Amino acid sequence: MKSIISIAVVFLLFTLHANAQKEIPNISVKTLDGTSLNMDEITKVKGVKIISFWATWCVPCINELDAISEVYDDWKDETNVELIAIATDDARTKKRIKPLINGKGWEYKILLDENQDLQRALNITTMPHVIVIKDGEIVYRHTGYFPGAEDQLYEVVKKNTK
């Protein structure tokens, strides 16, 4: 019985710690051309940003980014939101990123978390994983994708741009 309670307490503390994170850590990621970029350069800029963690092997990730792509121009016009898609592919699959993006025609800023350092720092274990930040602070997190989830995401964006 004590071990069950101990496990429950540890789980609760872990959950509270993971949910308490309010800022994106200043970890280096790369652009598609290989240039290093610190996350502070992106997240400390005023406004609302969507950060979508995805991978080429993740079908729900691609479905979500495709669905957002269809309405992204309207979102930008109405809210001035920026979507940054951070690929978490490893060395084996990262060669698929550029061909996939070129084929999809996504107009997002695409960054690479080559060693999954940012993913680990944010305790991201499930893909897709979407984070909305406003003025550098995390205001929303969501994992998984189902058709229509982009509408819920847009409601969060609108609420935070007022």
Protein backbone atom coordinates (compact mmCIF):
# COMPACT_ATOMS: atom_id res chain seq x y z
CA MET A 1 0.00 0.00 0.00
CA LYS A 2 2.82 2.41 0.88
CA SER A 3 4.45 1.80 -2.50
CA ILE A 4 1.22 2.65 -4.34
CA ILE A 5 0.90 5.87 -2.39
CA SER A 6 4.57 6.69 -3.01
CA ILE A 7 4.15 6.10 -6.72
CA ALA A 8 1.02 8.26 -6.77
CA VAL A 9 2.82 11.09 -4.96
CA VAL A 10 5.82 10.92 -7.32
CA PHE A 11 3.48 10.89 -10.34
CA LEU A 12 1.55 13.88 -8.97
CA LEU A 13 4.74 15.85 -8.32
CA PHE A 14 6.08 14.98 -11.78
CA THR A 15 2.79 16.07 -13.37
CA LEU A 16 2.75 19.33 -11.45
CA HIS A 17 6.37 20.02 -12.37
CA ALA A 18 5.75 19.27 -16.05
CA ASN A 19 2.64 21.44 -16.12
CA ALA A 20 4.31 24.24 -14.19
CA GLN A 21 6.80 25.00 -16.96
CA LYS A 22 5.86 28.39 -18.33
CA GLU A 23 8.69 29.18 -20.71
CA ILE A 24 10.41 27.52 -23.63
CA PRO A 25 14.01 26.72 -22.64
CA ASN A 26 16.71 28.59 -24.55
CA ILE A 27 18.01 25.58 -26.45
CA SER A 28 19.67 25.72 -29.83
CA VAL A 29 17.80 24.33 -32.85
CA LYS A 30 18.73 24.50 -36.52
CA THR A 31 17.19 25.99 -39.61
CA LEU A 32 16.88 23.87 -42.75
CA ASP A 33 20.13 25.33 -44.05
CA GLY A 34 21.97 24.24 -40.88
CA THR A 35 22.21 27.60 -39.12
CA SER A 36 21.93 27.40 -35.32
CA LEU A 37 19.19 29.43 -33.72
CA ASN A 38 18.45 29.87 -30.01
CA MET A 39 14.82 29.48 -29.02
CA ASP A 40 14.97 32.84 -27.18
CA GLU A 41 15.36 34.50 -30.57
CA ILE A 42 11.90 33.17 -31.44
CA THR A 43 10.00 33.03 -28.20
CA LYS A 44 10.96 36.35 -26.63
CA VAL A 45 9.40 38.30 -29.50
CA LYS A 46 6.03 39.79 -28.53
CA GLY A 47 2.91 38.12 -29.91
CA VAL A 48 1.36 34.68 -30.18
CA LYS A 49 3.24 31.77 -31.68
CA ILE A 50 2.28 28.16 -32.26
CA ILE A 51 5.11 25.68 -31.90
CA SER A 52 4.29 22.31 -33.41
CA PHE A 53 6.60 19.39 -32.69
CA TRP A 54 6.34 16.80 -35.46
CA ALA A 55 8.23 14.10 -37.32
CA THR A 56 8.15 12.77 -40.87
CA TRP A 57 7.12 9.31 -39.62
CA CYS A 58 4.16 10.71 -37.63
CA VAL A 59 1.01 10.56 -39.77
CA PRO A 60 -1.15 12.53 -37.27
CA CYS A 61 1.54 15.23 -37.23
CA ILE A 62 1.42 15.58 -40.99
CA ASN A 63 -2.39 15.53 -40.99
CA GLU A 64 -2.44 18.33 -38.42
CA LEU A 65 0.07 20.49 -40.28
CA ASP A 66 -1.84 19.87 -43.55
CA ALA A 67 -5.13 20.91 -41.92
CA ILE A 68 -3.59 24.08 -40.48
CA SER A 69 -1.93 24.85 -43.81
CA GLU A 70 -5.35 25.16 -45.44
CA VAL A 71 -6.38 27.97 -43.07
CA TYR A 72 -3.01 29.38 -42.02
CA ASP A 73 -3.15 32.47 -44.26
CA ASP A 74 -6.51 33.42 -42.72
CA TRP A 75 -5.11 32.84 -39.21
CA LYS A 76 -2.14 35.12 -39.93
CA ASP A 77 -4.37 37.83 -41.41
CA GLU A 78 -6.79 37.75 -38.47
CA THR A 79 -4.42 37.24 -35.54
CA ASN A 80 -0.84 37.77 -36.79
CA VAL A 81 0.04 34.35 -35.33
CA GLU A 82 3.18 32.55 -36.49
CA LEU A 83 3.48 28.77 -36.64
CA ILE A 84 6.89 27.23 -36.15
CA ALA A 85 7.07 23.53 -37.01
CA ILE A 86 9.95 21.84 -35.22
CA ALA A 87 10.94 18.50 -36.74
CA THR A 88 12.19 15.96 -34.21
CA ASP A 89 13.46 13.42 -36.72
CA ASP A 90 16.63 11.57 -35.82
CA ALA A 91 19.68 11.03 -38.02
CA ARG A 92 17.97 8.11 -39.78
CA THR A 93 14.85 10.00 -40.90
CA LYS A 94 15.94 13.66 -41.10
CA LYS A 95 16.78 13.30 -44.80
CA ARG A 96 13.01 13.03 -45.43
CA ILE A 97 12.22 16.48 -44.00
CA LYS A 98 13.07 18.76 -46.96
CA PRO A 99 11.37 16.57 -49.61
CA LEU A 100 8.24 16.32 -47.46
CA ILE A 101 8.07 20.07 -46.85
CA ASN A 102 8.69 20.85 -50.52
CA GLY A 103 5.95 18.43 -51.55
CA LYS A 104 3.47 19.85 -49.05
CA GLY A 105 4.20 23.51 -49.73
CA TRP A 106 3.92 24.39 -46.05
CA GLU A 107 4.66 28.05 -45.44
CA TYR A 108 5.67 27.60 -41.82
CA LYS A 109 9.04 28.34 -40.35
CA ILE A 110 10.62 24.88 -40.15
CA LEU A 111 13.28 24.16 -37.56
CA LEU A 112 15.15 20.99 -36.62
CA ASP A 113 15.58 19.61 -33.11
CA GLU A 114 18.24 17.17 -34.31
CA ASN A 115 19.18 15.62 -30.98
CA GLN A 116 15.71 16.08 -29.46
CA ASP A 117 17.23 18.35 -26.78
CA LEU A 118 14.30 20.78 -26.87
CA GLN A 119 11.81 17.91 -26.97
CA ARG A 120 13.38 16.37 -23.84
CA ALA A 121 13.63 19.72 -22.04
CA LEU A 122 9.90 20.24 -22.55
CA ASN A 123 9.12 16.65 -21.52
CA ILE A 124 7.45 15.89 -24.84
CA THR A 125 6.80 12.18 -25.24
CA THR A 126 3.88 12.12 -27.68
CA MET A 127 3.62 13.49 -31.21
CA PRO A 128 2.16 15.73 -32.44
CA HIS A 129 2.67 18.14 -29.58
CA VAL A 130 1.52 21.74 -29.94
CA ILE A 131 2.47 24.59 -27.66
CA VAL A 132 1.02 28.10 -27.87
CA ILE A 133 3.14 30.88 -26.44
CA LYS A 134 2.19 34.47 -25.86
CA ASP A 135 4.89 37.05 -25.21
CA GLY A 136 7.36 34.26 -24.41
CA GLU A 137 5.15 32.36 -21.96
CA ILE A 138 3.47 28.99 -22.56
CA VAL A 139 -0.30 29.46 -22.43
CA TYR A 140 -1.49 26.16 -23.96
CA ARG A 141 -0.26 22.63 -24.66
CA HIS A 142 -1.94 19.87 -26.63
CA THR A 143 -0.91 16.40 -27.77
CA GLY A 144 -2.36 14.20 -30.49
CA TYR A 145 -4.51 15.14 -33.42
CA PHE A 146 -8.06 14.51 -34.59
CA PRO A 147 -9.91 16.24 -37.44
CA GLY A 148 -11.20 19.54 -36.12
CA ALA A 149 -8.46 19.98 -33.49
CA GLU A 150 -7.15 22.87 -35.58
CA ASP A 151 -10.41 24.73 -34.88
CA GLN A 152 -9.86 24.35 -31.13
CA LEU A 153 -6.29 25.53 -31.57
CA TYR A 154 -7.48 28.60 -33.45
CA GLU A 155 -9.89 29.44 -30.62
CA VAL A 156 -6.93 29.40 -28.21
CA VAL A 157 -4.97 31.66 -30.57
CA LYS A 158 -7.87 34.12 -30.90
CA LYS A 159 -8.38 34.22 -27.15
CA ASN A 160 -4.71 35.08 -26.63
CA THR A 161 -4.50 37.79 -29.30
CA LYS A 162 -7.18 39.98 -27.77
